[in-house]
Protein backbone atom coordinates (compact mmCIF):
# COMPACT_ATOMS: atom_id res chain seq x y z
CA MET A 1 -0.15 0.42 -0.28
CA LEU A 2 0.99 3.48 -0.53
CA ILE A 3 -0.75 5.43 1.89
CA GLU A 4 -1.95 3.47 5.09
CA ALA A 5 -4.27 5.20 7.89
CA SER A 6 -5.57 4.29 10.71
CA ASP A 7 -7.66 5.43 13.76
CA LEU A 8 -6.41 9.42 12.00
CA ASN A 9 -7.65 12.26 13.96
CA MET A 10 -6.72 16.10 13.78
CA ILE A 11 -8.25 18.77 16.18
CA PHE A 12 -7.08 22.16 15.73
CA GLU A 13 -6.64 25.09 17.98
CA GLY A 14 -9.63 25.33 20.20
CA GLY A 15 -10.78 22.34 20.05
CA ILE A 16 -12.44 21.83 17.12
CA GLN A 17 -12.08 18.00 15.50
CA ALA A 18 -11.48 18.02 11.91
CA LEU A 19 -11.20 14.28 11.31
CA LYS A 20 -12.19 11.04 13.50
CA GLY A 21 -11.45 7.95 13.48
CA ILE A 22 -10.10 7.91 9.35
CA GLU A 23 -9.59 4.80 8.40
CA LEU A 24 -7.58 3.97 4.73
CA SER A 25 -5.75 1.96 2.13
CA ILE A 26 -5.04 2.85 -1.09
CA GLN A 27 -2.59 1.02 -3.09
CA ARG A 28 0.13 2.63 -5.84
CA GLY A 29 -1.58 3.35 -9.11
CA GLU A 30 -5.42 4.53 -7.62
CA PHE A 31 -7.27 6.68 -8.90
CA VAL A 32 -9.85 7.50 -5.76
CA SER A 33 -12.18 11.21 -4.70
CA PHE A 34 -13.49 12.51 -1.59
CA VAL A 35 -16.56 14.28 -1.97
CA GLY A 36 -18.27 15.52 0.94
CA SER A 37 -20.09 19.23 2.68
CA SER A 38 -17.90 22.09 2.86
CA GLY A 39 -16.46 21.93 6.14
CA CYS A 40 -15.44 17.97 6.41
CA GLY A 41 -11.99 17.44 6.51
CA LYS A 42 -11.70 16.78 2.73
CA SER A 43 -8.56 19.38 2.65
CA THR A 44 -7.24 18.77 6.30
CA LEU A 45 -6.44 15.36 5.18
CA LEU A 46 -4.91 16.17 1.64
CA ARG A 47 -2.97 18.33 4.00
CA ILE A 48 -1.50 15.63 6.29
CA LEU A 49 -0.87 13.23 3.40
CA ALA A 50 1.36 16.07 1.92
CA GLY A 51 3.13 17.25 5.26
CA LEU A 52 2.02 20.56 5.57
CA GLN A 53 -0.71 19.86 8.86
CA HIS A 54 1.12 18.80 11.34
CA GLY A 55 -0.56 18.14 15.22
CA TYR A 56 -2.40 14.79 14.15
CA SER A 57 -2.91 11.86 16.42
CA GLY A 58 -3.47 8.25 14.87
CA GLU A 59 -1.30 6.47 12.40
CA LEU A 60 -0.52 7.78 8.80
CA THR A 61 2.29 6.27 6.56
CA LEU A 62 3.28 7.38 3.17
CA ALA A 63 5.42 5.00 1.38
CA GLY A 64 6.01 3.09 4.98
CA MET A 65 7.43 6.32 6.85
CA ALA A 66 4.97 9.54 8.50
CA PRO A 67 4.18 11.98 6.07
CA LEU A 68 6.59 14.61 6.94
CA ASP A 69 9.58 11.87 6.63
CA ALA A 70 7.98 10.76 3.26
CA ARG A 71 8.67 13.90 1.52
CA GLN A 72 12.30 14.98 3.19
CA ALA A 73 13.41 11.32 2.00
CA ARG A 74 12.29 12.34 -1.55
CA HIS A 75 9.17 10.27 -2.39
CA ASN A 76 7.33 12.90 -4.37
CA VAL A 77 4.49 14.23 -3.80
CA SER A 78 2.61 17.21 -5.80
CA PHE A 79 0.03 19.60 -4.60
CA VAL A 80 -2.55 21.21 -6.98
CA PHE A 81 -4.89 23.29 -4.98
CA GLN A 82 -8.26 24.87 -6.38
CA GLU A 83 -6.46 28.34 -7.06
CA ALA A 84 -3.42 27.66 -10.31
CA ASN A 85 -1.18 29.88 -8.03
CA LEU A 86 0.96 31.02 -10.82
CA LEU A 87 4.13 33.52 -10.54
CA PRO A 88 2.79 36.63 -12.47
CA TRP A 89 6.11 37.86 -13.64
CA ARG A 90 7.11 34.35 -15.01
CA ASP A 91 5.60 32.95 -18.17
CA VAL A 92 4.01 29.58 -18.25
CA LEU A 93 7.50 27.88 -18.97
CA GLY A 94 9.05 29.56 -15.97
CA ASN A 95 6.14 28.62 -13.57
CA VAL A 96 6.19 24.75 -15.20
CA LYS A 97 9.78 24.96 -14.39
CA LEU A 98 10.01 26.44 -10.72
CA PRO A 99 9.50 23.34 -9.07
CA LEU A 100 12.98 21.69 -11.23
CA GLU A 101 14.71 25.20 -9.98
CA LEU A 102 13.90 24.68 -6.67
CA ARG A 103 15.39 20.64 -6.25
CA GLN A 104 18.66 22.11 -8.99
CA ASP A 105 17.15 19.19 -11.10
CA PRO A 106 19.01 19.83 -14.70
CA ARG A 107 16.23 18.54 -16.51
CA MET A 108 16.31 19.89 -20.27
CA ASP A 109 13.79 22.94 -21.44
CA SER A 110 12.78 20.36 -24.76
CA GLU A 111 11.31 17.49 -21.79
CA VAL A 112 9.49 20.51 -19.97
CA SER A 113 8.22 21.71 -23.50
CA ASP A 114 7.17 18.25 -24.07
CA LEU A 115 4.69 18.58 -20.81
CA LEU A 116 3.53 21.97 -22.26
CA ASP A 117 2.47 20.09 -25.20
CA LEU A 118 0.19 16.75 -23.15
CA VAL A 119 -1.16 19.96 -21.97
CA GLY A 120 -2.14 21.59 -24.53
CA LEU A 121 0.07 24.82 -23.42
CA ARG A 122 3.05 24.67 -25.76
CA GLU A 123 1.90 27.72 -28.38
CA PHE A 124 1.64 29.87 -24.63
CA ALA A 125 4.76 28.53 -22.97
CA ASN A 126 6.10 32.71 -23.12
CA ALA A 127 1.96 33.40 -22.20
CA PHE A 128 1.88 35.50 -18.38
CA PRO A 129 -0.57 34.09 -16.68
CA ARG A 130 -2.71 37.58 -17.12
CA GLN A 131 -2.80 36.81 -20.56
CA LEU A 132 -4.60 32.71 -19.70
CA SER A 133 -7.71 32.20 -19.25
CA GLY A 134 -9.27 29.49 -15.85
CA GLY A 135 -9.09 26.35 -17.74
CA MET A 136 -5.54 27.25 -18.86
CA LYS A 137 -3.78 28.18 -16.17
CA MET A 138 -5.12 25.03 -14.20
CA ARG A 139 -3.26 23.21 -17.21
CA ALA A 140 -0.11 24.84 -16.73
CA SER A 141 -0.47 24.59 -12.45
CA LEU A 142 -1.48 20.38 -13.79
CA ALA A 143 1.78 21.02 -15.46
CA ARG A 144 3.99 22.09 -12.85
CA ALA A 145 2.62 19.54 -10.12
CA LEU A 146 3.25 17.01 -12.94
CA VAL A 147 6.61 18.09 -13.94
CA THR A 148 8.47 16.37 -10.89
CA ARG A 149 7.03 12.73 -12.18
CA PRO A 150 5.14 12.83 -8.53
CA GLU A 151 3.85 9.28 -6.82
CA LEU A 152 0.94 10.81 -5.24
CA LEU A 153 -0.89 13.51 -7.09
CA LEU A 154 -2.99 15.83 -4.23
CA MET A 155 -6.09 17.82 -5.77
CA ASP A 156 -7.89 20.06 -3.79
CA GLU A 157 -10.95 20.71 -6.22
CA PRO A 158 -8.69 21.99 -8.94
CA PHE A 159 -11.91 22.51 -11.20
CA GLY A 160 -14.09 23.89 -9.13
CA ALA A 161 -13.95 27.36 -10.47
CA LEU A 162 -14.69 26.29 -14.05
CA ASP A 163 -17.53 26.54 -16.88
CA GLU A 164 -18.64 22.29 -17.18
CA LEU A 165 -17.27 21.94 -20.67
CA THR A 166 -13.83 23.26 -19.60
CA ARG A 167 -14.04 21.07 -16.68
CA GLN A 168 -15.09 17.90 -18.34
CA ARG A 169 -12.15 18.22 -21.23
CA LEU A 170 -9.87 18.51 -18.40
CA ASN A 171 -10.92 15.41 -16.31
CA GLU A 172 -10.51 13.75 -19.79
CA GLU A 173 -7.36 15.03 -20.45
CA LEU A 174 -5.90 14.65 -16.93
CA LEU A 175 -6.77 10.60 -16.80
CA GLU A 176 -5.07 10.56 -19.98
CA LEU A 177 -1.65 11.10 -18.83
CA TRP A 178 -2.37 9.28 -15.12
CA GLU A 179 -2.84 6.07 -17.68
CA ARG A 180 0.14 7.26 -19.13
CA ASP A 181 2.26 7.57 -16.50
CA GLU A 182 0.26 5.54 -13.31
CA TRP A 183 0.93 7.67 -10.54
CA THR A 184 -1.58 7.78 -7.63
CA CYS A 185 -4.26 10.31 -7.42
CA LEU A 186 -6.55 12.36 -4.31
CA PHE A 187 -9.21 14.12 -6.20
CA VAL A 188 -11.39 15.94 -3.33
CA THR A 189 -14.09 17.33 -5.42
CA HIS A 190 -18.47 18.17 -4.64
CA ASN A 191 -18.91 17.19 -8.11
CA VAL A 192 -20.37 13.38 -7.99
CA PHE A 193 -20.15 13.22 -11.41
CA GLU A 194 -16.62 14.30 -11.64
CA ALA A 195 -16.19 12.36 -8.73
CA VAL A 196 -17.91 8.79 -10.75
CA PHE A 197 -16.55 9.96 -13.96
CA MET A 198 -12.59 9.89 -12.89
CA SER A 199 -12.34 7.28 -10.57
CA GLN A 200 -11.87 3.76 -9.16
CA ARG A 201 -13.58 4.41 -5.64
CA VAL A 202 -15.48 7.46 -4.15
CA PHE A 203 -14.90 7.82 -0.60
CA VAL A 204 -17.92 9.75 0.77
CA MET A 205 -17.01 12.40 4.12
CA LYS A 206 -19.21 12.67 6.94
CA PRO A 207 -18.76 16.45 8.57
CA ARG A 208 -18.53 17.53 11.89
CA PRO A 209 -15.98 15.99 12.45
CA GLY A 210 -15.14 14.39 9.35
CA SER A 211 -15.09 10.87 8.75
CA ILE A 212 -15.26 8.40 6.25
CA ALA A 213 -19.02 7.59 6.25
CA ALA A 214 -18.92 5.14 2.27
CA GLU A 215 -16.70 3.98 0.09
CA ILE A 216 -18.00 2.99 -3.44
CA GLU A 217 -16.42 1.31 -6.17
CA ILE A 218 -16.55 2.72 -9.36
CA PRO A 219 -16.31 -0.80 -11.58
CA LEU A 220 -16.16 1.15 -15.22
CA ASP A 221 -13.61 0.34 -17.43
CA TYR A 222 -10.86 2.75 -18.91
CA PRO A 223 -10.45 4.85 -21.21
CA ARG A 224 -13.24 6.67 -20.23
CA LEU A 225 -14.69 8.36 -22.76
CA PRO A 226 -16.55 11.04 -23.13
CA GLU A 227 -20.10 9.47 -24.06
CA LEU A 228 -19.45 7.62 -20.66
CA ARG A 229 -21.31 9.80 -18.88
CA ALA A 230 -24.89 9.45 -20.57
CA SER A 231 -24.65 5.88 -20.11
CA PRO A 232 -27.30 3.92 -17.56
CA GLU A 233 -24.25 2.70 -15.40
CA PHE A 234 -22.76 6.05 -14.81
CA ALA A 235 -26.37 7.43 -13.76
CA ARG A 236 -26.70 4.69 -11.33
CA LEU A 237 -23.00 5.04 -9.70
CA ALA A 238 -24.29 8.67 -9.30
CA GLY A 239 -27.02 8.00 -7.56
CA GLU A 240 -25.99 5.88 -5.38
CA VAL A 241 -22.65 8.41 -4.32
CA SER A 242 -25.29 10.93 -4.28
CA ALA A 243 -27.93 9.20 -1.60
CA ALA A 244 -24.86 8.30 0.68
CA LEU A 245 -23.58 12.00 0.16
CA ARG A 246 -27.35 12.57 1.45
CA GLU A 247 -27.28 10.51 4.05
CA HIS A 248 -24.28 11.66 5.49
CA SER A 249 -24.80 15.60 4.91
CA GLU A 250 -27.64 15.43 7.81
């Protein structure tokens, strides 16, 4: 297993409990999603896994180590936030290369350029963030996360602010990259249809304090083509996730 959690709890200062009794096992190469109402601890869970949030209790391992130890041991984890967070004074190429520069990784510009091609931004390599649409900014953010060839990609509602058509296209492009490179992905979303389309498993989280209320298998074959969204089986699975979400959000 790449990730294992047992009785994971997180209590913030002031006694606010964000997570309670999280039990989780995720294999290498899996694509899983987390859905739940706002404030149920989805983002907190990702931040703990990234080694960005401390003070939790219980057991949590990433590649057999505590998340912070795993990061220090160069187990590669990348995080994509809801906002693209591009540096406005750097062009697209400069933003994507930034993690390599920070690591003093001498990877060639041509390799970074190939990644921009994969996310459809080769022609915009020298454009600045102010010149990009919302979808282009997220593509650049995704390329920046993938340039280090991560073992684990953590995505916190990355497409939540985009229009539906752009969101669906990015879902499809992300899955193509995942199938090609076989990294592990934990994907947080409020969109049930997005979770079902992308994932092998969907975890439904119960709020206040956050816990995993249901785990739903998504037994749909890959590659997942756009017409899947109109299929009866897709509708059935989306209904199952929605019912669990309603049941455990009250």
